Amino acid sequence: MLNSDKQHINLRLDAHMVGLDVPREQEPNYRAAAELLNKRYQYYLKLRPNASAEQLWMYTALEVAVALQSDVREKSLVPVEKELKELNQLILKTINQ
């Protein structure tokens, strides 16, 4: 990947600034991800006002990781579900003949 395919961006995560060189086409995804992380961090801050920043980031990271794993599992099941539907249709068609 050429350097011209990358873009330097600065993201604010709570009180921290993070500078990254990201693929240009991924820049909106990085900004959306930072926004999501900030919202979830604020949610946990309200829920647990006495928690340390480290604890709040751990809650935030865990929630996002669980959501990612759920998405990965759902996507991996799509081909299986499609095949099951086709098999069920074939079985029903065979039974009804």
PDB file of N, CA and C in Angstrom:
ATOM      1  N   MET A   1       0.849  -1.187   0.000  1.00  0.00           N
ATOM      2  CA  MET A   1       0.000   0.000   0.000  1.00  0.00           C
ATOM      3  C   MET A   1       0.888   1.241   0.000  1.00  0.00           C
ATOM      4  N   LEU A   2       0.645   2.139  -0.886  1.00  0.00           N
ATOM      5  CA  LEU A   2       1.422   3.363  -0.977  1.00  0.00           C
ATOM      6  C   LEU A   2       1.029   4.326   0.129  1.00  0.00           C
ATOM      7  N   ASN A   3       1.961   5.193   0.546  1.00  0.00           N
ATOM      8  CA  ASN A   3       1.658   6.178   1.566  1.00  0.00           C
ATOM      9  C   ASN A   3       0.507   7.080   1.173  1.00  0.00           C
ATOM     10  N   SER A   4       0.325   7.329  -0.128  1.00  0.00           N
ATOM     11  CA  SER A   4      -0.760   8.195  -0.572  1.00  0.00           C
ATOM     12  C   SER A   4      -2.116   7.544  -0.341  1.00  0.00           C
ATOM     13  N   ASP A   5      -2.113   6.212  -0.115  1.00  0.00           N
ATOM     14  CA  ASP A   5      -3.355   5.510   0.179  1.00  0.00           C
ATOM     15  C   ASP A   5      -3.732   5.628   1.651  1.00  0.00           C
ATOM     16  N   LYS A   6      -2.854   6.262   2.429  1.00  0.00           N
ATOM     17  CA  LYS A   6      -3.114   6.429   3.857  1.00  0.00           C
ATOM     18  C   LYS A   6      -3.360   7.890   4.178  1.00  0.00           C
ATOM     19  N   GLN A   7      -4.047   8.060   5.285  1.00  0.00           N
ATOM     20  CA  GLN A   7      -4.387   9.401   5.742  1.00  0.00           C
ATOM     21  C   GLN A   7      -4.127   9.468   7.238  1.00  0.00           C
ATOM     22  N   HIS A   8      -3.531  10.554   7.694  1.00  0.00           N
ATOM     23  CA  HIS A   8      -3.314  10.719   9.130  1.00  0.00           C
ATOM     24  C   HIS A   8      -4.572  11.333   9.738  1.00  0.00           C
ATOM     25  N   ILE A   9      -5.064  10.698  10.793  1.00  0.00           N
ATOM     26  CA  ILE A   9      -6.229  11.231  11.503  1.00  0.00           C
ATOM     27  C   ILE A   9      -5.922  11.261  12.997  1.00  0.00           C
ATOM     28  N   ASN A  10      -6.605  12.143  13.690  1.00  0.00           N
ATOM     29  CA  ASN A  10      -6.535  12.229  15.143  1.00  0.00           C
ATOM     30  C   ASN A  10      -7.919  11.923  15.686  1.00  0.00           C
ATOM     31  N   LEU A  11      -7.970  10.987  16.608  1.00  0.00           N
ATOM     32  CA  LEU A  11      -9.234  10.607  17.223  1.00  0.00           C
ATOM     33  C   LEU A  11      -9.168  10.901  18.709  1.00  0.00           C
ATOM     34  N   ARG A  12     -10.271  11.352  19.244  1.00  0.00           N
ATOM     35  CA  ARG A  12     -10.359  11.610  20.683  1.00  0.00           C
ATOM     36  C   ARG A  12     -11.094  10.443  21.323  1.00  0.00           C
ATOM     37  N   LEU A  13     -10.422   9.772  22.254  1.00  0.00           N
ATOM     38  CA  LEU A  13     -11.041   8.702  23.031  1.00  0.00           C
ATOM     39  C   LEU A  13     -11.033   9.151  24.480  1.00  0.00           C
ATOM     40  N   ASP A  14     -12.189   9.587  24.950  1.00  0.00           N
ATOM     41  CA  ASP A  14     -12.345  10.213  26.253  1.00  0.00           C
ATOM     42  C   ASP A  14     -11.389  11.401  26.313  1.00  0.00           C
ATOM     43  N   ALA A  15     -10.416  11.394  27.218  1.00  0.00           N
ATOM     44  CA  ALA A  15      -9.493  12.529  27.351  1.00  0.00           C
ATOM     45  C   ALA A  15      -8.208  12.329  26.565  1.00  0.00           C
ATOM     46  N   HIS A  16      -8.143  11.281  25.774  1.00  0.00           N
ATOM     47  CA  HIS A  16      -6.903  10.938  25.074  1.00  0.00           C
ATOM     48  C   HIS A  16      -7.033  11.211  23.580  1.00  0.00           C
ATOM     49  N   MET A  17      -5.959  11.720  23.012  1.00  0.00           N
ATOM     50  CA  MET A  17      -5.894  11.898  21.567  1.00  0.00           C
ATOM     51  C   MET A  17      -5.041  10.770  20.990  1.00  0.00           C
ATOM     52  N   VAL A  18      -5.551  10.173  19.927  1.00  0.00           N
ATOM     53  CA  VAL A  18      -4.848   9.074  19.283  1.00  0.00           C
ATOM     54  C   VAL A  18      -4.614   9.463  17.833  1.00  0.00           C
ATOM     55  N   GLY A  19      -3.357   9.482  17.421  1.00  0.00           N
ATOM     56  CA  GLY A  19      -3.003   9.780  16.037  1.00  0.00           C
ATOM     57  C   GLY A  19      -2.706   8.483  15.299  1.00  0.00           C
ATOM     58  N   LEU A  20      -3.327   8.311  14.142  1.00  0.00           N
ATOM     59  CA  LEU A  20      -3.163   7.085  13.368  1.00  0.00           C
ATOM     60  C   LEU A  20      -3.020   7.396  11.885  1.00  0.00           C
ATOM     61  N   ASP A  21      -2.263   6.558  11.196  1.00  0.00           N
ATOM     62  CA  ASP A  21      -2.244   6.576   9.736  1.00  0.00           C
ATOM     63  C   ASP A  21      -3.118   5.419   9.287  1.00  0.00           C
ATOM     64  N   VAL A  22      -4.221   5.747   8.625  1.00  0.00           N
ATOM     65  CA  VAL A  22      -5.204   4.721   8.264  1.00  0.00           C
ATOM     66  C   VAL A  22      -5.452   4.740   6.757  1.00  0.00           C
ATOM     67  N   PRO A  23      -5.870   3.621   6.206  1.00  0.00           N
ATOM     68  CA  PRO A  23      -6.251   3.622   4.789  1.00  0.00           C
ATOM     69  C   PRO A  23      -7.374   4.642   4.562  1.00  0.00           C
ATOM     70  N   ARG A  24      -7.252   5.417   3.511  1.00  0.00           N
ATOM     71  CA  ARG A  24      -8.228   6.475   3.250  1.00  0.00           C
ATOM     72  C   ARG A  24      -9.667   5.975   3.244  1.00  0.00           C
ATOM     73  N   GLU A  25      -9.876   4.808   2.628  1.00  0.00           N
ATOM     74  CA  GLU A  25     -11.245   4.297   2.529  1.00  0.00           C
ATOM     75  C   GLU A  25     -11.787   3.829   3.883  1.00  0.00           C
ATOM     76  N   GLN A  26     -10.897   3.641   4.862  1.00  0.00           N
ATOM     77  CA  GLN A  26     -11.323   3.199   6.188  1.00  0.00           C
ATOM     78  C   GLN A  26     -11.507   4.341   7.185  1.00  0.00           C
ATOM     79  N   GLU A  27     -11.154   5.543   6.790  1.00  0.00           N
ATOM     80  CA  GLU A  27     -11.214   6.691   7.702  1.00  0.00           C
ATOM     81  C   GLU A  27     -12.594   6.867   8.334  1.00  0.00           C
ATOM     82  N   PRO A  28     -13.694   6.784   7.586  1.00  0.00           N
ATOM     83  CA  PRO A  28     -15.009   6.919   8.235  1.00  0.00           C
ATOM     84  C   PRO A  28     -15.275   5.817   9.269  1.00  0.00           C
ATOM     85  N   ASN A  29     -14.764   4.620   9.009  1.00  0.00           N
ATOM     86  CA  ASN A  29     -14.948   3.530   9.961  1.00  0.00           C
ATOM     87  C   ASN A  29     -14.211   3.790  11.272  1.00  0.00           C
ATOM     88  N   TYR A  30     -13.014   4.346  11.178  1.00  0.00           N
ATOM     89  CA  TYR A  30     -12.260   4.671  12.386  1.00  0.00           C
ATOM     90  C   TYR A  30     -12.977   5.751  13.191  1.00  0.00           C
ATOM     91  N   ARG A  31     -13.505   6.740  12.502  1.00  0.00           N
ATOM     92  CA  ARG A  31     -14.224   7.807  13.212  1.00  0.00           C
ATOM     93  C   ARG A  31     -15.496   7.276  13.867  1.00  0.00           C
ATOM     94  N   ALA A  32     -16.224   6.416  13.158  1.00  0.00           N
ATOM     95  CA  ALA A  32     -17.438   5.818  13.723  1.00  0.00           C
ATOM     96  C   ALA A  32     -17.092   4.933  14.920  1.00  0.00           C
ATOM     97  N   ALA A  33     -15.982   4.202  14.823  1.00  0.00           N
ATOM     98  CA  ALA A  33     -15.556   3.344  15.927  1.00  0.00           C
ATOM     99  C   ALA A  33     -15.211   4.184  17.160  1.00  0.00           C
ATOM    100  N   ALA A  34     -14.512   5.280  16.949  1.00  0.00           N
ATOM    101  CA  ALA A  34     -14.164   6.156  18.066  1.00  0.00           C
ATOM    102  C   ALA A  34     -15.425   6.725  18.710  1.00  0.00           C
ATOM    103  N   GLU A  35     -16.389   7.101  17.894  1.00  0.00           N
ATOM    104  CA  GLU A  35     -17.654   7.626  18.418  1.00  0.00           C
ATOM    105  C   GLU A  35     -18.370   6.560  19.252  1.00  0.00           C
ATOM    106  N   LEU A  36     -18.413   5.342  18.747  1.00  0.00           N
ATOM    107  CA  LEU A  36     -19.034   4.240  19.484  1.00  0.00           C
ATOM    108  C   LEU A  36     -18.321   4.018  20.820  1.00  0.00           C
ATOM    109  N   LEU A  37     -16.997   3.967  20.795  1.00  0.00           N
ATOM    110  CA  LEU A  37     -16.239   3.751  22.023  1.00  0.00           C
ATOM    111  C   LEU A  37     -16.502   4.858  23.043  1.00  0.00           C
ATOM    112  N   ASN A  38     -16.535   6.098  22.582  1.00  0.00           N
ATOM    113  CA  ASN A  38     -16.801   7.216  23.488  1.00  0.00           C
ATOM    114  C   ASN A  38     -18.198   7.128  24.100  1.00  0.00           C
ATOM    115  N   LYS A  39     -19.182   6.744  23.303  1.00  0.00           N
ATOM    116  CA  LYS A  39     -20.553   6.614  23.823  1.00  0.00           C
ATOM    117  C   LYS A  39     -20.635   5.514  24.871  1.00  0.00           C
ATOM    118  N   ARG A  40     -20.015   4.372  24.575  1.00  0.00           N
ATOM    119  CA  ARG A  40     -20.063   3.264  25.525  1.00  0.00           C
ATOM    120  C   ARG A  40     -19.275   3.600  26.779  1.00  0.00           C
ATOM    121  N   TYR A  41     -18.149   4.294  26.655  1.00  0.00           N
ATOM    122  CA  TYR A  41     -17.368   4.718  27.813  1.00  0.00           C
ATOM    123  C   TYR A  41     -18.219   5.629  28.695  1.00  0.00           C
ATOM    124  N   GLN A  42     -18.893   6.596  28.078  1.00  0.00           N
ATOM    125  CA  GLN A  42     -19.755   7.515  28.839  1.00  0.00           C
ATOM    126  C   GLN A  42     -20.885   6.766  29.538  1.00  0.00           C
ATOM    127  N   TYR A  43     -21.433   5.751  28.864  1.00  0.00           N
ATOM    128  CA  TYR A  43     -22.483   4.925  29.466  1.00  0.00           C
ATOM    129  C   TYR A  43     -21.964   4.264  30.742  1.00  0.00           C
ATOM    130  N   TYR A  44     -20.789   3.648  30.682  1.00  0.00           N
ATOM    131  CA  TYR A  44     -20.228   2.986  31.855  1.00  0.00           C
ATOM    132  C   TYR A  44     -19.798   3.980  32.918  1.00  0.00           C
ATOM    133  N   LEU A  45     -19.387   5.173  32.505  1.00  0.00           N
ATOM    134  CA  LEU A  45     -19.037   6.211  33.469  1.00  0.00           C
ATOM    135  C   LEU A  45     -20.259   6.616  34.289  1.00  0.00           C
ATOM    136  N   LYS A  46     -21.411   6.734  33.634  1.00  0.00           N
ATOM    137  CA  LYS A  46     -22.651   7.065  34.355  1.00  0.00           C
ATOM    138  C   LYS A  46     -23.093   5.901  35.236  1.00  0.00           C
ATOM    139  N   LEU A  47     -22.918   4.690  34.733  1.00  0.00           N
ATOM    140  CA  LEU A  47     -23.327   3.485  35.458  1.00  0.00           C
ATOM    141  C   LEU A  47     -22.433   3.232  36.675  1.00  0.00           C
ATOM    142  N   ARG A  48     -21.146   3.530  36.545  1.00  0.00           N
ATOM    143  CA  ARG A  48     -20.162   3.259  37.601  1.00  0.00           C
ATOM    144  C   ARG A  48     -19.277   4.493  37.806  1.00  0.00           C
ATOM    145  N   PRO A  49     -19.839   5.534  38.406  1.00  0.00           N
ATOM    146  CA  PRO A  49     -19.087   6.797  38.515  1.00  0.00           C
ATOM    147  C   PRO A  49     -17.810   6.703  39.347  1.00  0.00           C
ATOM    148  N   ASN A  50     -17.683   5.706  40.200  1.00  0.00           N
ATOM    149  CA  ASN A  50     -16.489   5.586  41.037  1.00  0.00           C
ATOM    150  C   ASN A  50     -15.428   4.673  40.441  1.00  0.00           C
ATOM    151  N   ALA A  51     -15.700   4.109  39.271  1.00  0.00           N
ATOM    152  CA  ALA A  51     -14.738   3.212  38.630  1.00  0.00           C
ATOM    153  C   ALA A  51     -13.576   4.019  38.061  1.00  0.00           C
ATOM    154  N   SER A  52     -12.422   3.391  38.009  1.00  0.00           N
ATOM    155  CA  SER A  52     -11.251   4.051  37.413  1.00  0.00           C
ATOM    156  C   SER A  52     -11.410   4.081  35.896  1.00  0.00           C
ATOM    157  N   ALA A  53     -10.648   4.939  35.261  1.00  0.00           N
ATOM    158  CA  ALA A  53     -10.683   5.010  33.792  1.00  0.00           C
ATOM    159  C   ALA A  53     -10.288   3.656  33.198  1.00  0.00           C
ATOM    160  N   GLU A  54      -9.324   2.987  33.826  1.00  0.00           N
ATOM    161  CA  GLU A  54      -8.899   1.675  33.340  1.00  0.00           C
ATOM    162  C   GLU A  54     -10.060   0.676  33.385  1.00  0.00           C
ATOM    163  N   GLN A  55     -10.815   0.671  34.483  1.00  0.00           N
ATOM    164  CA  GLN A  55     -11.963  -0.227  34.593  1.00  0.00           C
ATOM    165  C   GLN A  55     -13.023   0.109  33.540  1.00  0.00           C
ATOM    166  N   LEU A  56     -13.273   1.397  33.351  1.00  0.00           N
ATOM    167  CA  LEU A  56     -14.282   1.824  32.375  1.00  0.00           C
ATOM    168  C   LEU A  56     -13.894   1.388  30.962  1.00  0.00           C
ATOM    169  N   TRP A  57     -12.598   1.505  30.631  1.00  0.00           N
ATOM    170  CA  TRP A  57     -12.144   1.061  29.308  1.00  0.00           C
ATOM    171  C   TRP A  57     -12.242  -0.446  29.173  1.00  0.00           C
ATOM    172  N   MET A  58     -12.031  -1.168  30.282  1.00  0.00           N
ATOM    173  CA  MET A  58     -12.174  -2.629  30.219  1.00  0.00           C
ATOM    174  C   MET A  58     -13.623  -3.017  29.958  1.00  0.00           C
ATOM    175  N   TYR A  59     -14.570  -2.369  30.635  1.00  0.00           N
ATOM    176  CA  TYR A  59     -15.992  -2.635  30.372  1.00  0.00           C
ATOM    177  C   TYR A  59     -16.339  -2.321  28.920  1.00  0.00           C
ATOM    178  N   THR A  60     -15.836  -1.192  28.454  1.00  0.00           N
ATOM    179  CA  THR A  60     -16.096  -0.761  27.084  1.00  0.00           C
ATOM    180  C   THR A  60     -15.523  -1.760  26.087  1.00  0.00           C
ATOM    181  N   ALA A  61     -14.274  -2.147  26.284  1.00  0.00           N
ATOM    182  CA  ALA A  61     -13.622  -3.095  25.375  1.00  0.00           C
ATOM    183  C   ALA A  61     -14.339  -4.435  25.376  1.00  0.00           C
ATOM    184  N   LEU A  62     -14.736  -4.896  26.557  1.00  0.00           N
ATOM    185  CA  LEU A  62     -15.424  -6.178  26.639  1.00  0.00           C
ATOM    186  C   LEU A  62     -16.756  -6.145  25.891  1.00  0.00           C
ATOM    187  N   GLU A  63     -17.519  -5.076  26.063  1.00  0.00           N
ATOM    188  CA  GLU A  63     -18.798  -4.962  25.366  1.00  0.00           C
ATOM    189  C   GLU A  63     -18.611  -4.970  23.849  1.00  0.00           C
ATOM    190  N   VAL A  64     -17.645  -4.209  23.366  1.00  0.00           N
ATOM    191  CA  VAL A  64     -17.397  -4.137  21.933  1.00  0.00           C
ATOM    192  C   VAL A  64     -16.894  -5.482  21.397  1.00  0.00           C
ATOM    193  N   ALA A  65     -16.043  -6.157  22.164  1.00  0.00           N
ATOM    194  CA  ALA A  65     -15.534  -7.462  21.744  1.00  0.00           C
ATOM    195  C   ALA A  65     -16.655  -8.502  21.680  1.00  0.00           C
ATOM    196  N   VAL A  66     -17.557  -8.474  22.644  1.00  0.00           N
ATOM    197  CA  VAL A  66     -18.694  -9.407  22.632  1.00  0.00           C
ATOM    198  C   VAL A  66     -19.576  -9.133  21.422  1.00  0.00           C
ATOM    199  N   ALA A  67     -19.838  -7.875  21.139  1.00  0.00           N
ATOM    200  CA  ALA A  67     -20.645  -7.531  19.962  1.00  0.00           C
ATOM    201  C   ALA A  67     -19.965  -8.016  18.681  1.00  0.00           C
ATOM    202  N   LEU A  68     -18.657  -7.855  18.591  1.00  0.00           N
ATOM    203  CA  LEU A  68     -17.907  -8.317  17.428  1.00  0.00           C
ATOM    204  C   LEU A  68     -18.024  -9.827  17.284  1.00  0.00           C
ATOM    205  N   GLN A  69     -17.847 -10.556  18.377  1.00  0.00           N
ATOM    206  CA  GLN A  69     -17.946 -12.019  18.326  1.00  0.00           C
ATOM    207  C   GLN A  69     -19.337 -12.466  17.910  1.00  0.00           C
ATOM    208  N   SER A  70     -20.357 -11.775  18.397  1.00  0.00           N
ATOM    209  CA  SER A  70     -21.737 -12.101  18.010  1.00  0.00           C
ATOM    210  C   SER A  70     -21.930 -11.905  16.516  1.00  0.00           C
ATOM    211  N   ASP A  71     -21.407 -10.800  15.986  1.00  0.00           N
ATOM    212  CA  ASP A  71     -21.515 -10.535  14.543  1.00  0.00           C
ATOM    213  C   ASP A  71     -20.784 -11.591  13.733  1.00  0.00           C
ATOM    214  N   VAL A  72     -19.600 -11.982  14.191  1.00  0.00           N
ATOM    215  CA  VAL A  72     -18.808 -12.994  13.482  1.00  0.00           C
ATOM    216  C   VAL A  72     -19.567 -14.315  13.457  1.00  0.00           C
ATOM    217  N   ARG A  73     -20.131 -14.701  14.576  1.00  0.00           N
ATOM    218  CA  ARG A  73     -20.877 -15.966  14.640  1.00  0.00           C
ATOM    219  C   ARG A  73     -22.109 -15.919  13.744  1.00  0.00           C
ATOM    220  N   GLU A  74     -22.842 -14.797  13.788  1.00  0.00           N
ATOM    221  CA  GLU A  74     -24.042 -14.680  12.949  1.00  0.00           C
ATOM    222  C   GLU A  74     -23.683 -14.772  11.469  1.00  0.00           C
ATOM    223  N   LYS A  75     -22.626 -14.093  11.063  1.00  0.00           N
ATOM    224  CA  LYS A  75     -22.216 -14.110   9.661  1.00  0.00           C
ATOM    225  C   LYS A  75     -21.745 -15.488   9.233  1.00  0.00           C
ATOM    226  N   SER A  76     -21.098 -16.219  10.152  1.00  0.00           N
ATOM    227  CA  SER A  76     -20.610 -17.541   9.779  1.00  0.00           C
ATOM    228  C   SER A  76     -21.759 -18.538   9.667  1.00  0.00           C
ATOM    229  N   LEU A  77     -22.889 -18.230  10.271  1.00  0.00           N
ATOM    230  CA  LEU A  77     -24.048 -19.117  10.196  1.00  0.00           C
ATOM    231  C   LEU A  77     -24.897 -18.891   8.946  1.00  0.00           C
ATOM    232  N   VAL A  78     -24.739 -17.777   8.286  1.00  0.00           N
ATOM    233  CA  VAL A  78     -25.554 -17.460   7.110  1.00  0.00           C
ATOM    234  C   VAL A  78     -25.464 -18.551   6.044  1.00  0.00           C
ATOM    235  N   PRO A  79     -24.274 -19.003   5.647  1.00  0.00           N
ATOM    236  CA  PRO A  79     -24.215 -20.062   4.633  1.00  0.00           C
ATOM    237  C   PRO A  79     -24.878 -21.364   5.109  1.00  0.00           C
ATOM    238  N   VAL A  80     -24.714 -21.674   6.387  1.00  0.00           N
ATOM    239  CA  VAL A  80     -25.315 -22.894   6.937  1.00  0.00           C
ATOM    240  C   VAL A  80     -26.833 -22.785   6.914  1.00  0.00           C
ATOM    241  N   GLU A  81     -27.345 -21.638   7.312  1.00  0.00           N
ATOM    242  CA  GLU A  81     -28.791 -21.433   7.310  1.00  0.00           C
ATOM    243  C   GLU A  81     -29.353 -21.534   5.895  1.00  0.00           C
ATOM    244  N   LYS A  82     -28.630 -20.999   4.935  1.00  0.00           N
ATOM    245  CA  LYS A  82     -29.073 -21.071   3.540  1.00  0.00           C
ATOM    246  C   LYS A  82     -29.158 -22.530   3.087  1.00  0.00           C
ATOM    247  N   GLU A  83     -28.121 -23.305   3.406  1.00  0.00           N
ATOM    248  CA  GLU A  83     -28.124 -24.717   3.019  1.00  0.00           C
ATOM    249  C   GLU A  83     -29.239 -25.479   3.719  1.00  0.00           C
ATOM    250  N   LEU A  84     -29.473 -25.177   4.989  1.00  0.00           N
ATOM    251  CA  LEU A  84     -30.548 -25.843   5.721  1.00  0.00           C
ATOM    252  C   LEU A  84     -31.914 -25.542   5.106  1.00  0.00           C
ATOM    253  N   LYS A  85     -32.119 -24.300   4.707  1.00  0.00           N
ATOM    254  CA  LYS A  85     -33.383 -23.938   4.048  1.00  0.00           C
ATOM    255  C   LYS A  85     -33.562 -24.731   2.763  1.00  0.00           C
ATOM    256  N   GLU A  86     -32.491 -24.804   1.978  1.00  0.00           N
ATOM    257  CA  GLU A  86     -32.559 -25.539   0.710  1.00  0.00           C
ATOM    258  C   GLU A  86     -32.830 -27.022   0.960  1.00  0.00           C
ATOM    259  N   LEU A  87     -32.176 -27.589   1.957  1.00  0.00           N
ATOM    260  CA  LEU A  87     -32.398 -29.000   2.289  1.00  0.00           C
ATOM    261  C   LEU A  87     -33.827 -29.228   2.780  1.00  0.00           C
ATOM    262  N   ASN A  88     -34.315 -28.332   3.607  1.00  0.00           N
ATOM    263  CA  ASN A  88     -35.690 -28.451   4.092  1.00  0.00           C
ATOM    264  C   ASN A  88     -36.688 -28.383   2.943  1.00  0.00           C
ATOM    265  N   GLN A  89     -36.458 -27.482   2.009  1.00  0.00           N
ATOM    266  CA  GLN A  89     -37.345 -27.376   0.842  1.00  0.00           C
ATOM    267  C   GLN A  89     -37.301 -28.659   0.023  1.00  0.00           C
ATOM    268  N   LEU A  90     -36.116 -29.210  -0.155  1.00  0.00           N
ATOM    269  CA  LEU A  90     -35.969 -30.452  -0.904  1.00  0.00           C
ATOM    270  C   LEU A  90     -36.682 -31.602  -0.182  1.00  0.00           C
ATOM    271  N   ILE A  91     -36.541 -31.663   1.117  1.00  0.00           N
ATOM    272  CA  ILE A  91     -37.212 -32.715   1.900  1.00  0.00           C
ATOM    273  C   ILE A  91     -38.730 -32.586   1.795  1.00  0.00           C
ATOM    274  N   LEU A  92     -39.209 -31.361   1.980  1.00  0.00           N
ATOM    275  CA  LEU A  92     -40.662 -31.134   1.883  1.00  0.00           C
ATOM    276  C   LEU A  92     -41.187 -31.463   0.498  1.00  0.00           C
ATOM    277  N   LYS A  93     -40.434 -31.073  -0.517  1.00  0.00           N
ATOM    278  CA  LYS A  93     -40.834 -31.363  -1.903  1.00  0.00           C
ATOM    279  C   LYS A  93     -40.886 -32.886  -2.107  1.00  0.00           C
ATOM    280  N   THR A  94     -39.904 -33.608  -1.605  1.00  0.00           N
ATOM    281  CA  THR A  94     -39.856 -35.056  -1.738  1.00  0.00           C
ATOM    282  C   THR A  94     -41.001 -35.720  -0.982  1.00  0.00           C
ATOM    283  N   ILE A  95     -41.289 -35.255   0.215  1.00  0.00           N
ATOM    284  CA  ILE A  95     -42.372 -35.811   1.020  1.00  0.00           C
ATOM    285  C   ILE A  95     -43.723 -35.587   0.353  1.00  0.00           C
ATOM    286  N   ASN A  96     -43.903 -34.426  -0.231  1.00  0.00           N
ATOM    287  CA  ASN A  96     -45.189 -34.064  -0.834  1.00  0.00           C
ATOM    288  C   ASN A  96     -45.424 -34.726  -2.174  1.00  0.00           C
ATOM    289  N   GLN A  97     -44.446 -35.394  -2.731  1.00  0.00           N
ATOM    290  CA  GLN A  97     -44.631 -36.030  -4.056  1.00  0.00           C
ATOM    291  C   GLN A  97     -45.353 -37.327  -3.952  1.00  0.00           C
TER     292      GLN A  97
END
